[in-house]
Amino acid sequence: MAQVYGKMTPAQRVGQLFLVGVSDDVAGSQTVAAVQAYHFGSVLLPENSDGTASLAASAASIQALAPAATSGARFFVAANQEGGEIQQLTGDGFATIPSALQQGTWTLSELRAQAGTWGSDLRAAGVNLDLAPVMDVVPAATAATNAPIGELDREFGYSPAGNGEHGAAFIEGMARAGVATVAKHFPGLGQVSGNTDFTSNVVDGVTTANAQDLNSFRAAISAGVPFVMVALATYTRIDPDRLAVFSPVVMRLLRSGLGFNGVIVSDDLGEAAAVASIPAGDRAIDFLDAGGDLITSQVIAPAEEMASAVLARASSDADFRAVVDSAAKRVLAAKQAQGLLSC
């Protein structure tokens, strides 16, 4: 990892901090131009029904950009492949995945085995990162009015223990197939009503730093999940002044309180309503300053603005440059664990 990092330019190190959504043609001219200009190190696939063989060809075309664009560090190619309402990749070669709520009724061994099968489908398509599982705990009484999770049956169940066990089984099954996973959306969206993708000022006034609901995330961390995604809501009993994604308090809770040493990834900072009023460059800088590592942007244009802002700040501020370098090393360590570095 140190060898690859040492060969990177400052712009290439900044590029490692981005997971950027690509257009429908996946490896088309827009994606290629953005990766070449901004050195983005990871890509997020859109909905696609072409099947595994077609996607594998597109993923190979993206990976072929690595020698020139990213100093040889190959790409995380990611998808939102949870199941139920949230299964972006379909078509020949992809099994239909039931909702997490249904998965939560299975035995742990059955879910672990099924997740291995779904992971094998992803690997066959060149996908090595699944933005799943959802570890948020939704109270049964309010699930029907919980827009981001409960309304879509994205939870494994209604208890921290059950969610944790089933989420861990999903993580372990995917890992056996060679696919990395993302536990989301820390510290949890189970106690809110609005969806941060479409609504600003989403607030959780219930969850505390020692809430039992956090035990589901502890289970994911114990299972070895390499990524944890932080939410775009405000948690008034943890940090009332900032969205979680911009909160050093939330980041310290995840690192020191739960013992997570992997990559902290943001929920969408590109076009989510929760951050729309904040200049794009500030979103990226504030996330990194708070302790985050990998910036998600569902679309390319704001990611380009964010990368330019991060590079400019790192070029003029030694302390922030150290923050960037630390985050880049953490992302590269995750890539090394996934076999994406040629040292």
Protein backbone atom coordinates (compact mmCIF):
# COMPACT_ATOMS: atom_id res chain seq x y z
CA MET A 1 0.00 0.00 0.00
CA ALA A 2 2.79 2.44 0.93
CA GLN A 3 4.45 1.84 -2.43
CA VAL A 4 1.29 2.71 -4.39
CA TYR A 5 0.57 5.70 -2.17
CA GLY A 6 4.14 6.96 -2.60
CA LYS A 7 3.82 6.99 -6.39
CA MET A 8 0.59 8.99 -6.37
CA THR A 9 0.38 12.68 -7.15
CA PRO A 10 -1.57 14.90 -4.72
CA ALA A 11 -4.49 14.91 -7.17
CA GLN A 12 -4.47 11.12 -7.36
CA ARG A 13 -4.54 10.87 -3.57
CA VAL A 14 -7.54 13.20 -3.47
CA GLY A 15 -9.22 11.12 -6.16
CA GLN A 16 -9.07 8.05 -3.91
CA LEU A 17 -11.47 9.83 -1.55
CA PHE A 18 -14.38 9.68 -4.01
CA LEU A 19 -17.06 7.14 -4.85
CA VAL A 20 -18.76 8.67 -7.87
CA GLY A 21 -21.96 7.66 -9.61
CA VAL A 22 -21.58 6.96 -13.32
CA SER A 23 -24.08 7.38 -16.13
CA ASP A 24 -26.17 4.70 -17.81
CA ASP A 25 -23.44 3.84 -20.30
CA VAL A 26 -21.21 3.00 -17.27
CA ALA A 27 -17.80 3.19 -18.96
CA GLY A 28 -18.75 5.87 -21.46
CA SER A 29 -16.97 9.06 -22.40
CA GLN A 30 -18.24 11.08 -19.43
CA THR A 31 -16.94 8.53 -16.93
CA VAL A 32 -13.60 8.18 -18.70
CA ALA A 33 -13.09 11.94 -18.91
CA ALA A 34 -13.92 12.46 -15.22
CA VAL A 35 -11.64 9.66 -14.06
CA GLN A 36 -8.78 10.93 -16.22
CA ALA A 37 -9.19 14.55 -15.11
CA TYR A 38 -9.98 14.06 -11.41
CA HIS A 39 -8.51 10.60 -10.76
CA PHE A 40 -11.66 9.33 -9.03
CA GLY A 41 -10.79 6.00 -7.46
CA SER A 42 -14.18 4.33 -7.05
CA VAL A 43 -17.39 4.30 -9.06
CA LEU A 44 -21.04 3.67 -8.22
CA LEU A 45 -23.20 1.94 -10.80
CA PRO A 46 -26.71 3.13 -11.74
CA GLU A 47 -29.71 0.87 -12.16
CA ASN A 48 -28.87 -1.68 -14.84
CA SER A 49 -30.78 -4.63 -16.26
CA ASP A 50 -28.18 -5.81 -18.79
CA GLY A 51 -27.02 -8.81 -16.75
CA THR A 52 -23.65 -9.93 -15.46
CA ALA A 53 -21.79 -10.45 -18.73
CA SER A 54 -22.47 -6.95 -20.07
CA LEU A 55 -21.63 -5.32 -16.75
CA ALA A 56 -18.43 -7.33 -16.46
CA ALA A 57 -17.24 -5.87 -19.77
CA SER A 58 -18.03 -2.35 -18.56
CA ALA A 59 -16.29 -2.95 -15.23
CA ALA A 60 -13.22 -4.24 -17.05
CA SER A 61 -13.16 -1.06 -19.13
CA ILE A 62 -13.22 1.00 -15.93
CA GLN A 63 -10.45 -1.07 -14.36
CA ALA A 64 -8.34 -0.53 -17.49
CA LEU A 65 -8.16 3.17 -16.59
CA ALA A 66 -6.20 2.47 -13.40
CA PRO A 67 -2.60 2.48 -14.67
CA ALA A 68 -2.79 6.02 -16.02
CA ALA A 69 -5.48 7.63 -13.88
CA THR A 70 -4.95 6.20 -10.40
CA SER A 71 -1.30 5.14 -10.37
CA GLY A 72 -2.34 1.51 -10.68
CA ALA A 73 -4.82 1.40 -7.80
CA ARG A 74 -7.80 -0.44 -9.23
CA PHE A 75 -11.35 0.67 -8.60
CA PHE A 76 -14.02 -0.18 -6.15
CA VAL A 77 -16.97 -0.80 -8.47
CA ALA A 78 -20.03 -0.46 -6.25
CA ALA A 79 -23.78 -1.00 -6.39
CA ASN A 80 -26.76 -0.65 -4.06
CA GLN A 81 -27.72 -4.32 -4.00
CA GLU A 82 -29.72 -4.77 -0.78
CA GLY A 83 -32.76 -6.61 -2.08
CA GLY A 84 -36.45 -5.87 -2.41
CA GLU A 85 -37.05 -2.27 -3.47
CA ILE A 86 -33.28 -1.63 -3.52
CA GLN A 87 -31.72 -3.92 -6.11
CA GLN A 88 -30.02 -1.86 -8.77
CA LEU A 89 -28.58 -4.71 -10.81
CA THR A 90 -30.88 -7.19 -12.53
CA GLY A 91 -31.00 -9.23 -15.71
CA ASP A 92 -29.37 -12.46 -16.81
CA GLY A 93 -27.08 -13.83 -14.10
CA PHE A 94 -28.57 -11.88 -11.19
CA ALA A 95 -30.87 -13.62 -8.74
CA THR A 96 -33.89 -11.69 -7.48
CA ILE A 97 -33.09 -10.69 -3.90
CA PRO A 98 -35.97 -10.44 -1.42
CA SER A 99 -36.27 -7.50 0.94
CA ALA A 100 -34.12 -7.31 4.05
CA LEU A 101 -37.29 -7.69 6.12
CA GLN A 102 -37.85 -11.08 4.50
CA GLN A 103 -34.16 -11.96 4.81
CA GLY A 104 -34.52 -11.28 8.52
CA THR A 105 -36.96 -14.21 8.86
CA TRP A 106 -34.37 -16.70 7.62
CA THR A 107 -31.88 -18.61 9.71
CA LEU A 108 -28.44 -17.05 9.89
CA SER A 109 -26.86 -19.93 7.99
CA GLU A 110 -29.45 -19.61 5.22
CA LEU A 111 -28.89 -15.87 4.89
CA ARG A 112 -25.12 -16.32 4.94
CA ALA A 113 -25.35 -18.86 2.12
CA GLN A 114 -27.76 -16.76 0.06
CA ALA A 115 -25.58 -13.66 0.49
CA GLY A 116 -22.67 -15.70 -0.82
CA THR A 117 -24.70 -16.52 -3.92
CA TRP A 118 -25.68 -12.89 -4.44
CA GLY A 119 -22.06 -11.89 -3.93
CA SER A 120 -20.96 -14.38 -6.57
CA ASP A 121 -23.41 -12.75 -8.98
CA LEU A 122 -21.82 -9.38 -8.24
CA ARG A 123 -18.29 -10.71 -8.70
CA ALA A 124 -19.29 -12.20 -12.04
CA ALA A 125 -20.34 -8.68 -13.07
CA GLY A 126 -17.07 -7.10 -11.92
CA VAL A 127 -18.69 -5.54 -8.84
CA ASN A 128 -16.58 -5.72 -5.69
CA LEU A 129 -18.42 -3.40 -3.26
CA ASP A 130 -22.05 -3.66 -2.16
CA LEU A 131 -23.58 -0.63 -0.41
CA ALA A 132 -25.40 -2.94 1.98
CA PRO A 133 -26.52 -4.05 4.52
CA VAL A 134 -28.81 -1.58 6.25
CA MET A 135 -28.16 -1.87 10.00
CA ASP A 136 -30.71 0.77 11.08
CA VAL A 137 -33.17 -0.36 13.75
CA VAL A 138 -36.75 0.76 13.09
CA PRO A 139 -39.35 0.42 15.87
CA ALA A 140 -42.18 -1.80 14.64
CA ALA A 141 -44.80 0.75 15.70
CA THR A 142 -43.38 3.47 13.44
CA ALA A 143 -42.00 1.42 10.54
CA ALA A 144 -44.86 2.37 8.23
CA THR A 145 -44.06 6.09 8.61
CA ASN A 146 -40.27 5.77 8.46
CA ALA A 147 -39.64 6.94 4.91
CA PRO A 148 -35.99 5.98 4.41
CA ILE A 149 -36.09 2.45 5.84
CA GLY A 150 -39.38 1.10 7.18
CA GLU A 151 -41.59 2.09 4.26
CA LEU A 152 -39.26 0.17 1.94
CA ASP A 153 -38.72 -2.91 4.17
CA ARG A 154 -34.98 -2.26 4.23
CA GLU A 155 -34.53 -3.37 7.86
CA PHE A 156 -33.88 -7.00 8.86
CA GLY A 157 -36.32 -6.65 11.74
CA TYR A 158 -37.17 -4.47 14.69
CA SER A 159 -34.52 -5.28 17.31
CA PRO A 160 -30.81 -4.43 17.57
CA ALA A 161 -29.95 -8.08 18.21
CA GLY A 162 -31.87 -9.47 15.26
CA ASN A 163 -30.68 -6.76 12.90
CA GLY A 164 -27.12 -7.23 14.07
CA GLU A 165 -27.11 -11.01 13.65
CA HIS A 166 -28.67 -10.95 10.20
CA GLY A 167 -26.59 -8.02 9.03
CA ALA A 168 -23.46 -9.86 10.16
CA ALA A 169 -24.55 -12.97 8.25
CA PHE A 170 -25.06 -10.87 5.11
CA ILE A 171 -21.59 -9.32 5.53
CA GLU A 172 -19.95 -12.71 6.05
CA GLY A 173 -21.66 -14.27 3.05
CA MET A 174 -20.65 -11.43 0.77
CA ALA A 175 -17.07 -11.58 2.08
CA ARG A 176 -16.86 -15.28 1.25
CA ALA A 177 -17.75 -14.36 -2.33
CA GLY A 178 -15.05 -11.68 -2.40
CA VAL A 179 -17.37 -8.66 -2.15
CA ALA A 180 -16.81 -5.89 0.39
CA THR A 181 -19.82 -4.41 2.19
CA VAL A 182 -21.00 -1.14 3.72
CA ALA A 183 -22.96 -1.03 6.99
CA LYS A 184 -25.36 1.91 6.87
CA HIS A 185 -26.60 4.53 7.95
CA PHE A 186 -24.73 5.28 11.19
CA PRO A 187 -25.92 6.15 13.82
CA GLY A 188 -29.20 4.93 12.29
CA LEU A 189 -32.23 6.28 10.42
CA GLY A 190 -34.77 4.18 12.26
CA GLN A 191 -36.06 7.00 14.48
CA VAL A 192 -36.69 9.63 11.75
CA SER A 193 -39.62 10.22 9.43
CA GLY A 194 -38.07 12.00 6.43
CA ASN A 195 -35.75 10.60 3.77
CA THR A 196 -32.55 12.67 3.56
CA ASP A 197 -32.35 12.04 -0.19
CA PHE A 198 -35.48 14.13 -0.69
CA THR A 199 -35.92 16.11 2.55
CA SER A 200 -33.78 18.60 4.44
CA ASN A 201 -33.66 19.03 8.21
CA VAL A 202 -34.22 15.38 9.03
CA VAL A 203 -33.84 15.09 12.82
CA ASP A 204 -33.51 12.21 15.28
CA GLY A 205 -34.29 13.42 18.79
CA VAL A 206 -34.15 9.96 20.37
CA THR A 207 -30.84 8.21 19.67
CA THR A 208 -28.03 8.72 22.19
CA ALA A 209 -24.37 7.75 22.16
CA ASN A 210 -25.14 4.70 24.31
CA ALA A 211 -28.39 3.67 22.62
CA GLN A 212 -29.07 -0.04 22.34
CA ASP A 213 -29.85 0.43 18.63
CA LEU A 214 -26.13 1.02 18.00
CA ASN A 215 -25.53 -2.63 18.86
CA SER A 216 -26.53 -3.61 15.34
CA PHE A 217 -23.58 -1.58 14.04
CA ARG A 218 -21.36 -3.18 16.67
CA ALA A 219 -22.34 -6.57 15.28
CA ALA A 220 -21.43 -5.45 11.75
CA ILE A 221 -18.04 -4.21 12.96
CA SER A 222 -17.42 -7.46 14.82
CA ALA A 223 -18.21 -9.31 11.58
CA GLY A 224 -15.41 -7.39 9.87
CA VAL A 225 -17.38 -4.94 7.74
CA PRO A 226 -14.75 -2.77 6.00
CA PHE A 227 -16.97 0.30 5.42
CA VAL A 228 -19.52 2.17 7.52
CA MET A 229 -21.73 4.85 5.96
CA VAL A 230 -22.68 7.90 8.01
CA ALA A 231 -26.12 9.47 7.69
CA LEU A 232 -27.21 12.96 6.63
CA ALA A 233 -29.57 13.45 9.59
CA THR A 234 -29.02 15.49 12.76
CA TYR A 235 -28.92 13.63 16.08
CA THR A 236 -29.81 16.18 18.73
CA ARG A 237 -28.82 13.94 21.65
CA ILE A 238 -25.37 13.23 20.13
CA ASP A 239 -24.45 16.44 18.27
CA PRO A 240 -27.31 18.95 17.89
CA ASP A 241 -25.26 21.40 15.82
CA ARG A 242 -24.24 19.35 12.77
CA LEU A 243 -25.46 16.72 10.38
CA ALA A 244 -23.89 13.40 11.39
CA VAL A 245 -21.83 13.35 8.21
CA PHE A 246 -20.14 16.60 9.30
CA SER A 247 -19.88 15.78 13.01
CA PRO A 248 -16.55 14.98 14.68
CA VAL A 249 -18.61 13.81 17.66
CA VAL A 250 -20.36 11.16 15.55
CA MET A 251 -17.06 10.13 13.92
CA ARG A 252 -15.40 9.73 17.34
CA LEU A 253 -18.37 7.68 18.52
CA LEU A 254 -17.88 5.34 15.56
CA ARG A 255 -14.09 5.15 15.95
CA SER A 256 -13.58 5.22 19.72
CA GLY A 257 -17.00 4.16 20.98
CA LEU A 258 -17.58 1.25 18.60
CA GLY A 259 -13.96 0.53 17.70
CA PHE A 260 -14.31 0.86 13.92
CA ASN A 261 -10.96 1.11 12.13
CA GLY A 262 -12.11 0.83 8.53
CA VAL A 263 -13.30 3.35 5.96
CA ILE A 264 -15.95 5.88 6.95
CA VAL A 265 -18.04 6.67 3.87
CA SER A 266 -20.60 9.44 3.49
CA ASP A 267 -24.14 9.07 2.35
CA ASP A 268 -24.73 10.95 -0.90
CA LEU A 269 -23.16 14.41 -0.83
CA GLY A 270 -23.81 15.03 -4.52
CA GLU A 271 -27.52 15.62 -4.91
CA ALA A 272 -29.22 14.72 -1.61
CA ALA A 273 -31.73 17.32 -0.45
CA ALA A 274 -30.22 17.26 3.05
CA VAL A 275 -27.05 19.04 1.84
CA ALA A 276 -28.38 20.99 -1.15
CA SER A 277 -28.01 24.36 0.59
CA ILE A 278 -24.30 23.78 1.32
CA PRO A 279 -21.70 24.60 -1.37
CA ALA A 280 -20.35 21.36 -2.80
CA GLY A 281 -16.75 22.07 -1.90
CA ASP A 282 -17.68 22.76 1.72
CA ARG A 283 -19.53 19.44 1.94
CA ALA A 284 -16.41 17.50 1.02
CA ILE A 285 -14.04 19.51 3.21
CA ASP A 286 -16.33 19.41 6.24
CA PHE A 287 -16.81 15.65 5.92
CA LEU A 288 -13.08 15.01 5.76
CA ASP A 289 -12.34 17.49 8.55
CA ALA A 290 -14.87 15.69 10.75
CA GLY A 291 -13.04 12.39 10.28
CA GLY A 292 -14.59 10.85 7.17
CA ASP A 293 -12.66 9.05 4.43
CA LEU A 294 -14.72 8.32 1.30
CA ILE A 295 -17.12 10.84 -0.25
CA THR A 296 -20.14 9.49 -2.11
CA SER A 297 -21.59 11.56 -4.93
CA GLN A 298 -24.40 10.04 -6.97
CA VAL A 299 -23.52 12.29 -9.91
CA ILE A 300 -20.22 13.40 -11.41
CA ALA A 301 -20.54 17.19 -11.64
CA PRO A 302 -20.59 18.01 -7.89
CA ALA A 303 -17.84 15.44 -7.33
CA GLU A 304 -15.63 17.39 -9.71
CA GLU A 305 -16.32 20.56 -7.74
CA MET A 306 -15.64 18.77 -4.47
CA ALA A 307 -12.37 17.25 -5.67
CA SER A 308 -11.12 20.62 -6.86
CA ALA A 309 -11.95 22.19 -3.50
CA VAL A 310 -10.27 19.41 -1.53
CA LEU A 311 -7.12 19.58 -3.66
CA ALA A 312 -6.93 23.37 -3.37
CA ARG A 313 -7.34 23.26 0.41
CA ALA A 314 -4.80 20.45 0.77
CA SER A 315 -2.31 22.40 -1.35
CA SER A 316 -2.42 25.41 0.95
CA ASP A 317 -3.09 23.87 4.38
CA ALA A 318 -0.61 21.35 5.79
CA ASP A 319 -2.95 20.17 8.53
CA PHE A 320 -5.74 19.46 6.06
CA ARG A 321 -3.26 17.78 3.71
CA ALA A 322 -2.46 15.38 6.54
CA VAL A 323 -6.19 14.68 6.90
CA VAL A 324 -6.42 13.92 3.18
CA ASP A 325 -3.35 11.69 3.23
CA SER A 326 -4.64 9.71 6.20
CA ALA A 327 -8.01 9.14 4.52
CA ALA A 328 -6.33 8.13 1.24
CA LYS A 329 -4.19 5.58 3.07
CA ARG A 330 -7.26 4.12 4.76
CA VAL A 331 -9.03 3.74 1.40
CA LEU A 332 -5.91 2.20 -0.14
CA ALA A 333 -5.64 -0.25 2.77
CA ALA A 334 -9.22 -1.36 2.03
CA LYS A 335 -8.28 -1.76 -1.62
CA GLN A 336 -5.24 -3.82 -0.68
CA ALA A 337 -7.43 -6.10 1.43
CA GLN A 338 -9.68 -6.49 -1.60
CA GLY A 339 -6.77 -7.33 -3.91
CA LEU A 340 -6.99 -4.09 -5.87
CA LEU A 341 -3.39 -2.95 -5.48
CA SER A 342 -0.40 -4.25 -7.44
CA CYS A 343 2.59 -3.61 -5.21
